[in-house]
Amino acid sequence: MSTRRKVLRGLASMLGLGVTGAWASEDQALHKRRNQLLRALVTGYDNSNLKISKAPSIDDSTCILTQAQVEGPYRLSAPVRTDVTEGKPGIPFELSMQVVASDGCTPLPDLLVEIWHCDAAGIYSGHPDLSRDIYGSLEYLSWDVAKTKEASNAERWLRGAQRTDAAGVVRFKTIFPGWYDMRAPHIHFKIGGPQRELFTSQFYFDDAVANDVYENNPDYKAYGESPYGPKNDLGIMLVGGAEGLLLDIQRDGPGAMLAAAKVGIDVGSA
């Protein structure tokens, strides 16, 4: 059994919850209470020794070996495109990425870069609305957050892929992601070569930047500030850190945001 699954089963055991039961038969009040207890357990954790650092900018002359992270359960086949919004409401957000060799900063052209993330309400395309139901989400995932879950519908908004240009750069037009239970706000990304996948990870945001969005933009205000940040994120806790994965967010005029991150991968092992 994977470490991630052991951790989740341990959390369930602490709350007196069998992981094979059917949620539909639970008393709704008890179900709500268990959700509250698990949220309190996770949000009460503070990893003060968290290894996290900003992603180098594309304009920086330096690069680092970006930390790999898990794919997560919600990845689906993404269409090749630059604009992934499909009309989803939220703050316009342009994400530029440059893929380089971590040793020497050599740009890596013609690699397929894929991104996916939730919408302003914390929902992923292709999956039902479980963003504020921790137990229902874990049941839906069969208590394995590292295993890809088959889509429930054909929607593919906020997902897209494109190939790096001669400078190793791709640019996506999307929206600032919302948040959902047990995870800090994040954007998943994957890099593929001619024959196989090379690198998988997730970008994160400064707590103050994310919560300013959630508190002040009408598309996000229904759920308020996120109780989760990098220091209590379940995914980061299980991996051990997020070095080179914190996005430096810039304002692009009124009502828009952008970030330009350099991702360094180990070409030798790829």
C-alpha atoms as a PDB file:
ATOM      1  CA  MET A   1       0.000   0.000   0.000  1.00  0.00           C
ATOM      2  CA  SER A   2       1.327   3.456  -0.906  1.00  0.00           C
ATOM      3  CA  THR A   3       2.346   5.951   1.796  1.00  0.00           C
ATOM      4  CA  ARG A   4      -0.404   8.312   0.656  1.00  0.00           C
ATOM      5  CA  ARG A   5      -3.074   5.690   1.017  1.00  0.00           C
ATOM      6  CA  LYS A   6      -1.758   4.661   4.434  1.00  0.00           C
ATOM      7  CA  VAL A   7      -1.953   8.280   5.605  1.00  0.00           C
ATOM      8  CA  LEU A   8      -5.542   8.627   4.426  1.00  0.00           C
ATOM      9  CA  ARG A   9      -6.566   5.350   6.011  1.00  0.00           C
ATOM     10  CA  GLY A  10      -4.892   6.519   9.220  1.00  0.00           C
ATOM     11  CA  LEU A  11      -6.907   9.732   9.193  1.00  0.00           C
ATOM     12  CA  ALA A  12     -10.081   7.761   8.645  1.00  0.00           C
ATOM     13  CA  SER A  13      -9.253   5.424  11.525  1.00  0.00           C
ATOM     14  CA  MET A  14      -8.632   8.384  13.855  1.00  0.00           C
ATOM     15  CA  LEU A  15     -12.150   9.593  13.140  1.00  0.00           C
ATOM     16  CA  GLY A  16     -13.738   6.165  13.511  1.00  0.00           C
ATOM     17  CA  LEU A  17     -14.553   5.866   9.816  1.00  0.00           C
ATOM     18  CA  GLY A  18     -14.509   2.642   7.832  1.00  0.00           C
ATOM     19  CA  VAL A  19     -13.182   3.297   4.340  1.00  0.00           C
ATOM     20  CA  THR A  20     -15.369   0.712   2.623  1.00  0.00           C
ATOM     21  CA  GLY A  21     -18.741   2.072   3.746  1.00  0.00           C
ATOM     22  CA  ALA A  22     -21.292   3.763   1.499  1.00  0.00           C
ATOM     23  CA  TRP A  23     -21.696   7.475   2.128  1.00  0.00           C
ATOM     24  CA  ALA A  24     -25.313   7.456   0.991  1.00  0.00           C
ATOM     25  CA  SER A  25     -26.318   5.442   4.067  1.00  0.00           C
ATOM     26  CA  GLU A  26     -24.616   7.828   6.550  1.00  0.00           C
ATOM     27  CA  ASP A  27     -26.530  10.239   8.711  1.00  0.00           C
ATOM     28  CA  GLN A  28     -26.043  13.667   7.117  1.00  0.00           C
ATOM     29  CA  ALA A  29     -25.208  15.370  10.405  1.00  0.00           C
ATOM     30  CA  LEU A  30     -22.525  12.780  11.166  1.00  0.00           C
ATOM     31  CA  HIS A  31     -21.167  13.081   7.640  1.00  0.00           C
ATOM     32  CA  LYS A  32     -20.905  16.862   8.063  1.00  0.00           C
ATOM     33  CA  ARG A  33     -19.252  16.511  11.460  1.00  0.00           C
ATOM     34  CA  ARG A  34     -16.627  14.133  10.116  1.00  0.00           C
ATOM     35  CA  ASN A  35     -15.884  16.565   7.307  1.00  0.00           C
ATOM     36  CA  GLN A  36     -15.411  19.301   9.882  1.00  0.00           C
ATOM     37  CA  LEU A  37     -13.106  17.146  12.014  1.00  0.00           C
ATOM     38  CA  LEU A  38     -10.907  16.182   9.102  1.00  0.00           C
ATOM     39  CA  ARG A  39     -10.673  19.785   7.919  1.00  0.00           C
ATOM     40  CA  ALA A  40      -9.698  20.872  11.441  1.00  0.00           C
ATOM     41  CA  LEU A  41      -7.073  18.129  11.603  1.00  0.00           C
ATOM     42  CA  VAL A  42      -5.431  19.136   8.338  1.00  0.00           C
ATOM     43  CA  THR A  43      -5.706  22.898   8.721  1.00  0.00           C
ATOM     44  CA  GLY A  44      -4.284  22.688  12.240  1.00  0.00           C
ATOM     45  CA  TYR A  45      -1.015  21.323  10.901  1.00  0.00           C
ATOM     46  CA  ASP A  46       1.817  23.828  10.365  1.00  0.00           C
ATOM     47  CA  ASN A  47       4.927  22.601   8.599  1.00  0.00           C
ATOM     48  CA  SER A  48       7.255  25.397   9.674  1.00  0.00           C
ATOM     49  CA  ASN A  49      10.213  23.542   8.132  1.00  0.00           C
ATOM     50  CA  LEU A  50       8.593  23.305   4.719  1.00  0.00           C
ATOM     51  CA  LYS A  51      11.083  23.358   1.854  1.00  0.00           C
ATOM     52  CA  ILE A  52       9.437  25.678  -0.643  1.00  0.00           C
ATOM     53  CA  SER A  53      10.908  28.331  -2.929  1.00  0.00           C
ATOM     54  CA  LYS A  54       9.866  30.545  -5.786  1.00  0.00           C
ATOM     55  CA  ALA A  55      10.180  29.326  -9.341  1.00  0.00           C
ATOM     56  CA  PRO A  56      12.921  31.255 -11.171  1.00  0.00           C
ATOM     57  CA  SER A  57      11.526  33.721 -13.680  1.00  0.00           C
ATOM     58  CA  ILE A  58      12.000  33.108 -17.382  1.00  0.00           C
ATOM     59  CA  ASP A  59      14.072  36.295 -17.405  1.00  0.00           C
ATOM     60  CA  ASP A  60      16.427  35.010 -14.690  1.00  0.00           C
ATOM     61  CA  SER A  61      19.900  33.842 -15.735  1.00  0.00           C
ATOM     62  CA  THR A  62      19.801  31.065 -13.127  1.00  0.00           C
ATOM     63  CA  CYS A  63      17.859  27.836 -12.946  1.00  0.00           C
ATOM     64  CA  ILE A  64      17.324  25.046 -10.434  1.00  0.00           C
ATOM     65  CA  LEU A  65      16.212  21.445 -10.412  1.00  0.00           C
ATOM     66  CA  THR A  66      12.461  21.864  -9.922  1.00  0.00           C
ATOM     67  CA  GLN A  67      10.911  19.442  -7.444  1.00  0.00           C
ATOM     68  CA  ALA A  68       8.731  16.721  -8.908  1.00  0.00           C
ATOM     69  CA  GLN A  69       5.339  15.996  -7.362  1.00  0.00           C
ATOM     70  CA  VAL A  70       2.526  13.496  -7.888  1.00  0.00           C
ATOM     71  CA  GLU A  71       0.083  13.700 -10.768  1.00  0.00           C
ATOM     72  CA  GLY A  72      -2.984  13.384  -8.585  1.00  0.00           C
ATOM     73  CA  PRO A  73      -6.297  11.727  -9.476  1.00  0.00           C
ATOM     74  CA  TYR A  74      -7.892  14.301 -11.785  1.00  0.00           C
ATOM     75  CA  ARG A  75      -5.678  14.337 -14.863  1.00  0.00           C
ATOM     76  CA  LEU A  76      -7.469  13.702 -18.162  1.00  0.00           C
ATOM     77  CA  SER A  77      -6.399  13.828 -21.792  1.00  0.00           C
ATOM     78  CA  ALA A  78      -6.077  17.525 -22.630  1.00  0.00           C
ATOM     79  CA  PRO A  79      -6.683  19.223 -25.992  1.00  0.00           C
ATOM     80  CA  VAL A  80      -3.795  21.072 -27.657  1.00  0.00           C
ATOM     81  CA  ARG A  81      -4.530  24.786 -27.207  1.00  0.00           C
ATOM     82  CA  THR A  82      -3.292  28.006 -25.621  1.00  0.00           C
ATOM     83  CA  ASP A  83      -6.562  29.320 -24.174  1.00  0.00           C
ATOM     84  CA  VAL A  84      -8.071  26.748 -21.791  1.00  0.00           C
ATOM     85  CA  THR A  85     -10.786  28.864 -20.162  1.00  0.00           C
ATOM     86  CA  GLU A  86     -13.848  27.838 -22.237  1.00  0.00           C
ATOM     87  CA  GLY A  87     -15.682  30.795 -20.704  1.00  0.00           C
ATOM     88  CA  LYS A  88     -15.181  29.746 -17.072  1.00  0.00           C
ATOM     89  CA  PRO A  89     -15.543  32.744 -14.722  1.00  0.00           C
ATOM     90  CA  GLY A  90     -12.543  33.968 -12.758  1.00  0.00           C
ATOM     91  CA  ILE A  91      -9.598  36.353 -12.837  1.00  0.00           C
ATOM     92  CA  PRO A  92      -7.771  36.052 -16.188  1.00  0.00           C
ATOM     93  CA  PHE A  93      -4.381  34.487 -15.571  1.00  0.00           C
ATOM     94  CA  GLU A  94      -1.554  34.033 -18.104  1.00  0.00           C
ATOM     95  CA  LEU A  95       0.962  31.356 -17.179  1.00  0.00           C
ATOM     96  CA  SER A  96       4.237  31.285 -19.107  1.00  0.00           C
ATOM     97  CA  MET A  97       6.635  28.381 -18.610  1.00  0.00           C
ATOM     98  CA  GLN A  98      10.135  27.806 -19.896  1.00  0.00           C
ATOM     99  CA  VAL A  99      11.452  24.249 -19.733  1.00  0.00           C
ATOM    100  CA  VAL A 100      15.243  24.034 -19.406  1.00  0.00           C
ATOM    101  CA  ALA A 101      17.909  21.517 -18.476  1.00  0.00           C
ATOM    102  CA  SER A 102      18.623  22.078 -14.768  1.00  0.00           C
ATOM    103  CA  ASP A 103      22.348  21.637 -15.458  1.00  0.00           C
ATOM    104  CA  GLY A 104      23.273  24.573 -17.696  1.00  0.00           C
ATOM    105  CA  CYS A 105      19.815  26.133 -18.236  1.00  0.00           C
ATOM    106  CA  THR A 106      19.701  24.968 -21.867  1.00  0.00           C
ATOM    107  CA  PRO A 107      16.197  25.550 -23.314  1.00  0.00           C
ATOM    108  CA  LEU A 108      14.388  22.352 -24.286  1.00  0.00           C
ATOM    109  CA  PRO A 109      12.248  22.760 -27.426  1.00  0.00           C
ATOM    110  CA  ASP A 110       9.482  20.525 -28.784  1.00  0.00           C
ATOM    111  CA  LEU A 111       8.382  19.061 -25.446  1.00  0.00           C
ATOM    112  CA  LEU A 112       4.668  18.693 -24.741  1.00  0.00           C
ATOM    113  CA  VAL A 113       3.607  20.706 -21.679  1.00  0.00           C
ATOM    114  CA  GLU A 114       0.193  20.036 -20.180  1.00  0.00           C
ATOM    115  CA  ILE A 115      -1.660  21.924 -17.422  1.00  0.00           C
ATOM    116  CA  TRP A 116      -4.893  21.294 -15.538  1.00  0.00           C
ATOM    117  CA  HIS A 117      -6.558  22.819 -12.482  1.00  0.00           C
ATOM    118  CA  CYS A 118      -9.899  23.434 -10.788  1.00  0.00           C
ATOM    119  CA  ASP A 119     -12.268  26.326 -11.464  1.00  0.00           C
ATOM    120  CA  ALA A 120     -13.174  29.214  -9.153  1.00  0.00           C
ATOM    121  CA  ALA A 121     -15.502  26.913  -7.180  1.00  0.00           C
ATOM    122  CA  GLY A 122     -12.842  24.226  -6.712  1.00  0.00           C
ATOM    123  CA  ILE A 123     -14.273  21.823  -9.299  1.00  0.00           C
ATOM    124  CA  TYR A 124     -12.343  19.882 -11.966  1.00  0.00           C
ATOM    125  CA  SER A 125     -13.791  19.322 -15.418  1.00  0.00           C
ATOM    126  CA  GLY A 126     -14.765  15.716 -16.001  1.00  0.00           C
ATOM    127  CA  HIS A 127     -15.585  15.119 -12.331  1.00  0.00           C
ATOM    128  CA  PRO A 128     -18.576  15.798 -10.044  1.00  0.00           C
ATOM    129  CA  ASP A 129     -18.751  18.611  -7.521  1.00  0.00           C
ATOM    130  CA  LEU A 130     -17.017  17.159  -4.466  1.00  0.00           C
ATOM    131  CA  SER A 131     -14.816  20.153  -3.710  1.00  0.00           C
ATOM    132  CA  ARG A 132     -16.276  20.827  -0.238  1.00  0.00           C
ATOM    133  CA  ASP A 133     -16.972  17.180   0.689  1.00  0.00           C
ATOM    134  CA  ILE A 134     -13.758  15.557   1.938  1.00  0.00           C
ATOM    135  CA  TYR A 135     -15.258  12.154   2.675  1.00  0.00           C
ATOM    136  CA  GLY A 136     -17.286  11.996  -0.488  1.00  0.00           C
ATOM    137  CA  SER A 137     -14.190  12.914  -2.491  1.00  0.00           C
ATOM    138  CA  LEU A 138     -12.080  10.201  -0.850  1.00  0.00           C
ATOM    139  CA  GLU A 139     -14.797   7.632  -1.458  1.00  0.00           C
ATOM    140  CA  TYR A 140     -15.020   8.752  -5.086  1.00  0.00           C
ATOM    141  CA  LEU A 141     -11.249   8.225  -5.361  1.00  0.00           C
ATOM    142  CA  SER A 142     -11.377   4.874  -3.549  1.00  0.00           C
ATOM    143  CA  TRP A 143      -9.021   6.363  -0.942  1.00  0.00           C
ATOM    144  CA  ASP A 144      -6.139   6.528  -3.394  1.00  0.00           C
ATOM    145  CA  VAL A 145      -5.262  10.154  -4.228  1.00  0.00           C
ATOM    146  CA  ALA A 146      -2.386   9.137  -6.488  1.00  0.00           C
ATOM    147  CA  LYS A 147      -4.415   7.015  -8.898  1.00  0.00           C
ATOM    148  CA  THR A 148      -6.025   8.698 -11.905  1.00  0.00           C
ATOM    149  CA  LYS A 149      -9.808   8.638 -11.756  1.00  0.00           C
ATOM    150  CA  GLU A 150     -11.795   8.042 -14.929  1.00  0.00           C
ATOM    151  CA  ALA A 151     -13.879  11.039 -15.989  1.00  0.00           C
ATOM    152  CA  SER A 152     -17.602  11.142 -15.333  1.00  0.00           C
ATOM    153  CA  ASN A 153     -18.327  13.379 -18.335  1.00  0.00           C
ATOM    154  CA  ALA A 154     -16.650  14.780 -21.452  1.00  0.00           C
ATOM    155  CA  GLU A 155     -15.946  18.302 -20.166  1.00  0.00           C
ATOM    156  CA  ARG A 156     -12.346  19.459 -20.532  1.00  0.00           C
ATOM    157  CA  TRP A 157     -12.313  23.113 -19.443  1.00  0.00           C
ATOM    158  CA  LEU A 158      -9.175  24.436 -17.710  1.00  0.00           C
ATOM    159  CA  ARG A 159      -7.084  21.744 -19.358  1.00  0.00           C
ATOM    160  CA  GLY A 160      -4.686  22.177 -22.235  1.00  0.00           C
ATOM    161  CA  ALA A 161      -1.380  21.179 -23.792  1.00  0.00           C
ATOM    162  CA  GLN A 162       1.112  22.672 -26.230  1.00  0.00           C
ATOM    163  CA  ARG A 163       4.703  22.188 -27.361  1.00  0.00           C
ATOM    164  CA  THR A 164       7.616  24.320 -26.215  1.00  0.00           C
ATOM    165  CA  ASP A 165       9.036  26.670 -28.853  1.00  0.00           C
ATOM    166  CA  ALA A 166      12.716  27.075 -29.783  1.00  0.00           C
ATOM    167  CA  ALA A 167      13.296  28.877 -26.459  1.00  0.00           C
ATOM    168  CA  GLY A 168      11.591  26.121 -24.478  1.00  0.00           C
ATOM    169  CA  VAL A 169       8.582  28.364 -23.755  1.00  0.00           C
ATOM    170  CA  VAL A 170       4.824  27.773 -23.656  1.00  0.00           C
ATOM    171  CA  ARG A 171       2.074  30.217 -22.642  1.00  0.00           C
ATOM    172  CA  PHE A 172      -1.396  29.376 -21.393  1.00  0.00           C
ATOM    173  CA  LYS A 173      -4.395  31.658 -20.951  1.00  0.00           C
ATOM    174  CA  THR A 174      -6.500  30.460 -18.045  1.00  0.00           C
ATOM    175  CA  ILE A 175      -8.052  31.760 -14.810  1.00  0.00           C
ATOM    176  CA  PHE A 176      -6.694  31.910 -11.280  1.00  0.00           C
ATOM    177  CA  PRO A 177      -7.680  28.569  -9.682  1.00  0.00           C
ATOM    178  CA  GLY A 178     -10.014  28.265  -6.727  1.00  0.00           C
ATOM    179  CA  TRP A 179      -9.463  25.960  -3.770  1.00  0.00           C
ATOM    180  CA  TYR A 180     -10.960  22.720  -2.525  1.00  0.00           C
ATOM    181  CA  ASP A 181     -10.688  20.719   0.671  1.00  0.00           C
ATOM    182  CA  MET A 182      -7.351  19.239   1.776  1.00  0.00           C
ATOM    183  CA  ARG A 183      -5.311  21.036  -0.888  1.00  0.00           C
ATOM    184  CA  ALA A 184      -3.583  24.397  -1.149  1.00  0.00           C
ATOM    185  CA  PRO A 185      -4.476  26.291  -4.353  1.00  0.00           C
ATOM    186  CA  HIS A 186      -2.389  24.814  -7.166  1.00  0.00           C
ATOM    187  CA  ILE A 187      -1.929  24.148 -10.879  1.00  0.00           C
ATOM    188  CA  HIS A 188      -0.849  20.724 -12.111  1.00  0.00           C
ATOM    189  CA  PHE A 189       1.599  20.390 -14.976  1.00  0.00           C
ATOM    190  CA  LYS A 190       3.266  17.588 -16.880  1.00  0.00           C
ATOM    191  CA  ILE A 191       6.125  17.594 -19.402  1.00  0.00           C
ATOM    192  CA  GLY A 192       6.443  14.897 -22.045  1.00  0.00           C
ATOM    193  CA  GLY A 193       9.212  14.002 -24.470  1.00  0.00           C
ATOM    194  CA  PRO A 194       9.098  12.165 -27.821  1.00  0.00           C
ATOM    195  CA  GLN A 195       8.786   8.737 -26.225  1.00  0.00           C
ATOM    196  CA  ARG A 196       7.548   9.155 -22.663  1.00  0.00           C
ATOM    197  CA  GLU A 197       6.605  11.469 -19.804  1.00  0.00           C
ATOM    198  CA  LEU A 198       9.598  13.307 -18.367  1.00  0.00           C
ATOM    199  CA  PHE A 199       8.393  15.351 -15.428  1.00  0.00           C
ATOM    200  CA  THR A 200       5.268  15.978 -13.326  1.00  0.00           C
ATOM    201  CA  SER A 201       4.658  18.598 -10.644  1.00  0.00           C
ATOM    202  CA  GLN A 202       2.378  21.351  -9.318  1.00  0.00           C
ATOM    203  CA  PHE A 203       2.675  25.124  -8.946  1.00  0.00           C
ATOM    204  CA  TYR A 204       1.559  26.898  -5.763  1.00  0.00           C
ATOM    205  CA  PHE A 205       0.697  30.431  -4.649  1.00  0.00           C
ATOM    206  CA  ASP A 206       1.550  32.709  -1.755  1.00  0.00           C
ATOM    207  CA  ASP A 207      -1.260  32.575   0.819  1.00  0.00           C
ATOM    208  CA  ALA A 208      -1.795  36.353   0.844  1.00  0.00           C
ATOM    209  CA  VAL A 209      -2.057  36.534  -2.953  1.00  0.00           C
ATOM    210  CA  ALA A 210      -4.550  33.665  -3.166  1.00  0.00           C
ATOM    211  CA  ASN A 211      -6.730  34.854  -0.300  1.00  0.00           C
ATOM    212  CA  ASP A 212      -6.864  38.384  -1.657  1.00  0.00           C
ATOM    213  CA  VAL A 213      -8.444  36.870  -4.771  1.00  0.00           C
ATOM    214  CA  TYR A 214     -10.865  34.700  -2.785  1.00  0.00           C
ATOM    215  CA  GLU A 215     -11.983  37.522  -0.528  1.00  0.00           C
ATOM    216  CA  ASN A 216     -12.355  40.302  -3.076  1.00  0.00           C
ATOM    217  CA  ASN A 217     -13.359  38.821  -6.438  1.00  0.00           C
ATOM    218  CA  PRO A 218     -17.058  37.979  -6.871  1.00  0.00           C
ATOM    219  CA  ASP A 219     -16.326  34.775  -8.782  1.00  0.00           C
ATOM    220  CA  TYR A 220     -14.568  33.328  -5.704  1.00  0.00           C
ATOM    221  CA  LYS A 221     -16.224  35.063  -2.722  1.00  0.00           C
ATOM    222  CA  ALA A 222     -18.840  32.354  -2.137  1.00  0.00           C
ATOM    223  CA  TYR A 223     -16.200  30.190  -0.447  1.00  0.00           C
ATOM    224  CA  GLY A 224     -14.021  32.883   1.134  1.00  0.00           C
ATOM    225  CA  GLU A 225     -10.394  32.470   2.120  1.00  0.00           C
ATOM    226  CA  SER A 226      -8.726  29.094   1.710  1.00  0.00           C
ATOM    227  CA  PRO A 227      -7.932  27.381   5.029  1.00  0.00           C
ATOM    228  CA  TYR A 228      -5.180  25.527   3.166  1.00  0.00           C
ATOM    229  CA  GLY A 229      -1.790  26.845   2.088  1.00  0.00           C
ATOM    230  CA  PRO A 230       1.564  25.270   1.265  1.00  0.00           C
ATOM    231  CA  LYS A 231       2.368  24.801   4.978  1.00  0.00           C
ATOM    232  CA  ASN A 232      -0.594  22.500   5.607  1.00  0.00           C
ATOM    233  CA  ASP A 233      -1.130  21.037   2.145  1.00  0.00           C
ATOM    234  CA  LEU A 234      -1.586  17.276   2.171  1.00  0.00           C
ATOM    235  CA  GLY A 235       0.130  16.816  -1.190  1.00  0.00           C
ATOM    236  CA  ILE A 236       3.254  18.741  -0.162  1.00  0.00           C
ATOM    237  CA  MET A 237       3.385  16.965   3.198  1.00  0.00           C
ATOM    238  CA  LEU A 238       3.451  13.580   1.490  1.00  0.00           C
ATOM    239  CA  VAL A 239       6.110  14.582  -1.058  1.00  0.00           C
ATOM    240  CA  GLY A 240       8.279  16.528   1.373  1.00  0.00           C
ATOM    241  CA  GLY A 241       8.562  19.935  -0.242  1.00  0.00           C
ATOM    242  CA  ALA A 242       7.870  22.280  -3.142  1.00  0.00           C
ATOM    243  CA  GLU A 243      11.204  23.783  -4.151  1.00  0.00           C
ATOM    244  CA  GLY A 244      10.977  25.921  -7.278  1.00  0.00           C
ATOM    245  CA  LEU A 245       7.184  25.646  -7.346  1.00  0.00           C
ATOM    246  CA  LEU A 246       5.930  28.885  -5.778  1.00  0.00           C
ATOM    247  CA  LEU A 247       4.718  31.219  -8.514  1.00  0.00           C
ATOM    248  CA  ASP A 248       5.677  34.894  -8.450  1.00  0.00           C
ATOM    249  CA  ILE A 249       2.359  36.522  -9.354  1.00  0.00           C
ATOM    250  CA  GLN A 250       2.284  39.878 -11.135  1.00  0.00           C
ATOM    251  CA  ARG A 251      -0.688  42.109 -11.866  1.00  0.00           C
ATOM    252  CA  ASP A 252      -1.361  42.678 -15.559  1.00  0.00           C
ATOM    253  CA  GLY A 253      -3.432  45.819 -15.378  1.00  0.00           C
ATOM    254  CA  PRO A 254      -6.826  45.878 -13.608  1.00  0.00           C
ATOM    255  CA  GLY A 255      -8.406  42.478 -13.111  1.00  0.00           C
ATOM    256  CA  ALA A 256      -5.724  40.251 -14.629  1.00  0.00           C
ATOM    257  CA  MET A 257      -2.681  38.335 -13.393  1.00  0.00           C
ATOM    258  CA  LEU A 258       0.369  36.631 -14.851  1.00  0.00           C
ATOM    259  CA  ALA A 259       3.369  34.514 -13.872  1.00  0.00           C
ATOM    260  CA  ALA A 260       6.476  33.415 -15.778  1.00  0.00           C
ATOM    261  CA  ALA A 261       8.198  30.339 -14.326  1.00  0.00           C
ATOM    262  CA  LYS A 262      11.332  28.494 -15.362  1.00  0.00           C
ATOM    263  CA  VAL A 263      11.159  24.725 -14.827  1.00  0.00           C
ATOM    264  CA  GLY A 264      14.463  22.875 -14.649  1.00  0.00           C
ATOM    265  CA  ILE A 265      14.460  19.142 -15.309  1.00  0.00           C
ATOM    266  CA  ASP A 266      17.217  16.532 -15.186  1.00  0.00           C
ATOM    267  CA  VAL A 267      17.895  15.755 -18.832  1.00  0.00           C
ATOM    268  CA  GLY A 268      20.299  12.979 -17.891  1.00  0.00           C
ATOM    269  CA  SER A 269      17.626  10.954 -16.112  1.00  0.00           C
ATOM    270  CA  ALA A 270      14.999  11.910 -18.670  1.00  0.00           C
END
